[in-house]
């Protein structure tokens, strides 16, 4: 998972509303909300390119 336009992987600390991410779906998505679930996990709510909504629980690698 990486922020669109960035070569390095995205860090959980940098995820926030409005950020564009690659790697959650085949196409980039827009982050709508991020909820912290402890020091090493977040729940990301996002909108895909077709307007579909999704949610993923992401863990620190």
C-alpha atoms as a PDB file:
ATOM      1  CA  UNK A   1       0.000   0.000   0.000  1.00  0.00           C
ATOM      2  CA  UNK A   2       1.379   3.415  -0.906  1.00  0.00           C
ATOM      3  CA  UNK A   3       0.158   6.962  -1.225  1.00  0.00           C
ATOM      4  CA  UNK A   4      -0.500   7.849  -4.853  1.00  0.00           C
ATOM      5  CA  UNK A   5       2.581   9.546  -6.305  1.00  0.00           C
ATOM      6  CA  UNK A   6       4.901   8.225  -3.565  1.00  0.00           C
ATOM      7  CA  UNK A   7       7.441   5.451  -4.084  1.00  0.00           C
ATOM      8  CA  UNK A   8       7.707   4.407  -0.429  1.00  0.00           C
ATOM      9  CA  UNK A   9       5.029   2.456   1.466  1.00  0.00           C
ATOM     10  CA  UNK A  10       2.461   4.483   3.406  1.00  0.00           C
ATOM     11  CA  UNK A  11       2.881   4.620   7.192  1.00  0.00           C
ATOM     12  CA  UNK A  12      -0.140   4.296   9.453  1.00  0.00           C
ATOM     13  CA  UNK A  13       0.702   7.668  11.032  1.00  0.00           C
ATOM     14  CA  UNK A  14       0.372   9.415   7.657  1.00  0.00           C
ATOM     15  CA  UNK A  15      -3.094   8.118   6.801  1.00  0.00           C
ATOM     16  CA  UNK A  16      -5.773  10.800   7.026  1.00  0.00           C
ATOM     17  CA  UNK A  17      -8.956  11.902   5.323  1.00  0.00           C
ATOM     18  CA  UNK A  18      -8.389  13.028   1.722  1.00  0.00           C
ATOM     19  CA  UNK A  19      -5.231  10.965   1.097  1.00  0.00           C
ATOM     20  CA  UNK A  20      -5.184   8.905  -2.136  1.00  0.00           C
ATOM     21  CA  UNK A  21      -3.921   5.330  -1.660  1.00  0.00           C
ATOM     22  CA  UNK A  22      -2.859   2.575  -4.021  1.00  0.00           C
ATOM     23  CA  UNK A  23      -3.007  -1.075  -3.032  1.00  0.00           C
ATOM     24  CA  UNK A  24      -6.397  -1.477  -1.343  1.00  0.00           C
ATOM     25  CA  UNK A  25      -8.221  -1.989  -4.656  1.00  0.00           C
ATOM     26  CA  UNK A  26      -6.839  -2.406  -8.179  1.00  0.00           C
ATOM     27  CA  UNK A  27      -7.334   1.362  -8.669  1.00  0.00           C
ATOM     28  CA  UNK A  28      -6.359   4.170  -6.240  1.00  0.00           C
ATOM     29  CA  UNK A  29      -8.905   5.039  -3.528  1.00  0.00           C
ATOM     30  CA  UNK A  30      -9.592   8.163  -1.458  1.00  0.00           C
ATOM     31  CA  UNK A  31      -9.448   7.833   2.340  1.00  0.00           C
ATOM     32  CA  UNK A  32     -12.607   9.138   4.029  1.00  0.00           C
ATOM     33  CA  UNK A  33     -11.813   8.283   7.667  1.00  0.00           C
ATOM     34  CA  UNK A  34      -9.118   6.626   9.778  1.00  0.00           C
ATOM     35  CA  UNK A  35      -9.818   5.122  13.209  1.00  0.00           C
ATOM     36  CA  UNK A  36      -6.911   4.101  15.438  1.00  0.00           C
ATOM     37  CA  UNK A  37      -7.189   0.550  16.843  1.00  0.00           C
ATOM     38  CA  UNK A  38      -4.177   0.510  19.150  1.00  0.00           C
ATOM     39  CA  UNK A  39      -0.563   1.372  18.328  1.00  0.00           C
ATOM     40  CA  UNK A  40      -0.237  -1.018  15.384  1.00  0.00           C
ATOM     41  CA  UNK A  41      -3.614  -1.036  13.608  1.00  0.00           C
ATOM     42  CA  UNK A  42      -6.098   1.345  11.972  1.00  0.00           C
ATOM     43  CA  UNK A  43      -9.465   0.970  10.291  1.00  0.00           C
ATOM     44  CA  UNK A  44      -9.545   2.857   6.993  1.00  0.00           C
ATOM     45  CA  UNK A  45     -12.857   3.835   5.391  1.00  0.00           C
ATOM     46  CA  UNK A  46     -12.396   4.716   1.729  1.00  0.00           C
ATOM     47  CA  UNK A  47     -14.180   5.521  -1.519  1.00  0.00           C
ATOM     48  CA  UNK A  48     -13.224   3.745  -4.713  1.00  0.00           C
ATOM     49  CA  UNK A  49     -13.048   5.324  -8.176  1.00  0.00           C
ATOM     50  CA  UNK A  50     -16.627   4.285  -8.982  1.00  0.00           C
ATOM     51  CA  UNK A  51     -18.000   5.784  -5.766  1.00  0.00           C
ATOM     52  CA  UNK A  52     -18.185   2.471  -3.906  1.00  0.00           C
ATOM     53  CA  UNK A  53     -17.369   2.551  -0.194  1.00  0.00           C
ATOM     54  CA  UNK A  54     -15.044   0.128   1.559  1.00  0.00           C
ATOM     55  CA  UNK A  55     -13.379  -0.465   4.869  1.00  0.00           C
ATOM     56  CA  UNK A  56     -10.160  -2.309   5.745  1.00  0.00           C
ATOM     57  CA  UNK A  57      -8.354  -3.085   8.967  1.00  0.00           C
ATOM     58  CA  UNK A  58      -4.652  -2.383   8.364  1.00  0.00           C
ATOM     59  CA  UNK A  59      -1.762  -3.528  10.558  1.00  0.00           C
ATOM     60  CA  UNK A  60       1.773  -2.228  10.828  1.00  0.00           C
ATOM     61  CA  UNK A  61       4.207  -4.478   8.942  1.00  0.00           C
END
